[in-house]
Protein backbone atom coordinates (compact mmCIF):
# COMPACT_ATOMS: atom_id res chain seq x y z
CA MET A 1 4.09 -35.36 11.60
CA GLU A 2 7.33 -36.47 12.99
CA PRO A 3 9.63 -33.55 14.35
CA SER A 4 12.41 -34.70 11.76
CA GLU A 5 9.88 -34.26 8.63
CA PRO A 6 10.27 -31.27 6.67
CA GLY A 7 7.35 -29.00 6.45
CA PRO A 8 5.74 -26.10 8.46
CA PRO A 9 5.65 -26.26 12.02
CA GLU A 10 2.28 -26.74 13.45
CA ASN A 11 1.09 -23.80 15.17
CA ALA A 12 4.74 -22.88 16.39
CA THR A 13 3.68 -19.63 17.99
CA SER A 14 1.40 -21.14 20.27
CA ARG A 15 4.36 -23.02 21.62
CA GLY A 16 6.41 -19.85 22.29
CA ARG A 17 8.54 -20.17 19.35
CA GLU A 18 8.67 -18.31 15.99
CA PRO A 19 7.71 -19.92 12.87
CA GLN A 20 10.53 -21.51 10.93
CA HIS A 21 10.42 -18.77 8.09
CA ASP A 22 11.33 -15.91 10.70
CA GLN A 23 13.89 -18.05 12.17
CA ALA A 24 15.54 -18.57 8.60
CA ARG A 25 15.79 -14.91 8.20
CA ARG A 26 18.05 -14.27 11.44
CA VAL A 27 21.79 -13.91 10.97
CA ALA A 28 23.65 -15.29 14.05
CA GLY A 29 20.27 -15.47 16.01
CA ILE A 30 19.71 -11.59 15.71
CA PRO A 31 16.39 -10.56 14.30
CA PRO A 32 16.33 -8.81 11.01
CA LYS A 33 14.92 -5.63 12.58
CA GLN A 34 17.60 -5.52 15.26
CA LEU A 35 20.33 -6.37 12.65
CA VAL A 36 19.45 -3.73 10.39
CA ARG A 37 19.09 -0.92 13.01
CA ALA A 38 22.50 -1.96 14.42
CA LEU A 39 23.95 -1.78 10.86
CA LEU A 40 22.56 1.43 10.21
CA GLY A 41 23.76 2.96 13.51
CA VAL A 42 27.30 1.56 12.96
CA GLU A 43 27.34 2.92 9.53
CA ALA A 44 25.98 6.47 10.42
CA ALA A 45 28.31 6.53 13.18
CA SER A 46 31.25 5.50 10.81
CA PHE A 47 30.29 8.30 8.32
CA PHE A 48 30.16 10.84 11.23
CA LEU A 49 33.50 9.78 12.43
CA ALA A 50 34.90 9.96 8.86
CA ALA A 51 33.82 13.55 8.54
CA ALA A 52 35.36 14.44 11.97
CA VAL A 53 38.68 13.14 10.62
CA HIS A 54 38.32 14.94 7.38
CA ALA A 55 37.44 18.16 9.72
CA GLY A 56 40.75 17.83 11.16
CA ALA A 57 39.02 17.30 14.45
CA LEU A 58 40.54 13.86 15.27
CA VAL A 59 43.69 13.51 13.32
CA ASP A 60 45.86 16.23 11.89
CA GLY A 61 46.84 15.95 8.08
CA TYR A 62 43.61 14.28 6.97
CA ALA A 63 41.46 17.66 6.47
CA HIS A 64 39.28 17.46 3.14
CA TYR A 65 36.50 19.85 3.14
CA GLU A 66 34.52 18.19 0.17
CA ALA A 67 34.95 14.68 1.91
CA ARG A 68 33.88 16.17 5.26
CA ILE A 69 30.49 17.46 3.53
CA ALA A 70 29.65 14.24 1.67
CA GLU A 71 30.36 12.18 4.83
CA THR A 72 28.18 14.35 6.98
CA VAL A 73 25.15 14.23 4.43
CA ILE A 74 25.62 10.42 4.07
CA GLY A 75 25.75 9.97 7.99
CA ALA A 76 22.64 11.99 8.16
CA VAL A 77 20.70 10.24 5.66
CA LEU A 78 21.75 7.01 7.49
CA LEU A 79 20.64 8.30 10.76
CA VAL A 80 17.22 9.48 9.20
CA GLY A 81 16.80 5.80 7.96
CA LEU A 82 17.53 4.47 11.31
CA VAL A 83 14.95 6.68 13.11
CA THR A 84 12.48 5.71 10.30
CA THR A 85 12.90 2.06 11.43
CA TRP A 86 11.22 3.24 14.74
CA VAL A 87 8.72 5.68 13.51
CA ARG A 88 7.30 3.59 10.55
CA GLN A 89 8.22 0.09 11.62
CA ARG A 90 6.05 -1.32 8.73
CA SER A 91 8.54 0.25 6.42
CA THR A 92 11.78 -0.69 8.22
CA PHE A 93 13.33 -2.69 5.70
CA THR A 94 12.40 -0.56 2.64
CA ALA A 95 13.71 2.57 4.45
CA ALA A 96 16.84 0.66 5.32
CA THR A 97 17.57 -0.61 1.67
CA ALA A 98 16.97 2.92 0.21
CA VAL A 99 19.18 4.66 2.70
CA GLN A 100 22.05 2.08 2.39
CA ALA A 101 21.71 2.34 -1.31
CA PHE A 102 22.16 6.26 -1.22
CA ALA A 103 25.34 5.72 1.07
CA LEU A 104 26.59 2.92 -1.29
CA LEU A 105 26.34 5.41 -4.28
CA GLY A 106 28.09 8.39 -2.35
CA THR A 107 30.65 5.83 -1.27
CA LEU A 108 31.13 4.88 -4.84
CA VAL A 109 31.17 8.16 -5.90
CA GLY A 110 33.96 8.90 -3.40
CA LEU A 111 36.02 5.94 -4.56
CA TRP A 112 35.67 7.44 -8.19
CA THR A 113 37.03 10.81 -7.02
CA MET A 114 39.87 9.07 -5.42
CA PHE A 115 40.74 7.14 -8.82
CA VAL A 116 40.68 10.34 -10.76
CA GLY A 117 42.81 12.35 -8.16
CA VAL A 118 40.17 14.74 -6.91
CA GLY A 119 39.39 13.37 -3.50
CA PRO A 120 41.78 12.26 -0.71
CA ARG A 121 43.87 9.22 -1.62
CA THR A 122 45.44 8.16 1.64
CA VAL A 123 45.72 4.54 2.71
CA PRO A 124 43.22 5.00 5.55
CA ASP A 125 40.69 6.66 3.09
CA VAL A 126 40.98 3.81 0.65
CA VAL A 127 40.65 1.06 3.22
CA TYR A 128 37.61 3.03 4.85
CA HIS A 129 36.01 3.22 1.64
CA VAL A 130 36.54 -0.50 0.64
CA VAL A 131 35.26 -1.62 4.16
CA ILE A 132 32.23 0.49 4.18
CA VAL A 133 31.26 -0.64 0.61
CA LEU A 134 31.13 -4.17 1.99
CA VAL A 135 29.52 -3.52 5.15
CA LEU A 136 26.81 -1.36 3.00
CA LEU A 137 26.19 -4.17 0.60
CA ALA A 138 25.72 -6.71 3.59
CA GLY A 139 23.13 -4.40 5.07
CA ILE A 140 21.32 -3.76 1.72
CA GLY A 141 21.35 -7.74 1.32
CA VAL A 142 20.05 -8.18 4.98
CA ALA A 143 17.34 -5.39 4.59
CA TRP A 144 16.28 -6.44 1.04
CA ARG A 145 15.96 -10.19 2.22
CA ALA A 146 13.72 -9.18 5.05
CA ARG A 147 11.53 -7.18 3.07
CA GLY A 148 9.30 -10.12 2.34
CA ALA A 149 8.41 -10.52 6.03
CA GLU A 150 7.75 -6.67 5.79
CA SER A 151 5.03 -7.17 3.01
CA THR A 152 3.57 -10.24 4.99
CA GLN A 153 3.22 -8.24 8.24
CA ALA A 154 1.54 -5.47 6.50
CA THR A 155 -1.35 -7.61 5.14
CA PRO A 156 -4.01 -8.88 7.59
CA ARG A 157 -4.81 -12.32 8.19
């Protein structure tokens, strides 16, 4: 087979390269597990940071007890998901999808409380919610697409 012809590589792993299906799952050259872990870490940190803001610890004038509680819970769930990616490596992408879906649901509830006038409605709050929704959707997409690799790794050959 010529190198330019389409088709599966012949014994690509023996030449020190990953098979093409694994390479195709990479985003910007980053393996999916590393990308998912990085996203979970950034997401958890951002929720803890938002909770600190709503606790009044970082910026005056943005304290909101209910938002602080919700953001702390979401951050903790994302952190548990991150730890799970190391403890139960065969379930990395399933766990990542689940905890990010939970975080997305919680964030959408937060947006809803803003719209009905119950939650904080400052510009930074709205911007944060919109940005984190986009990040969570991207993270769910990466984890969901990578779940196929997770199931093929679980089956012995």
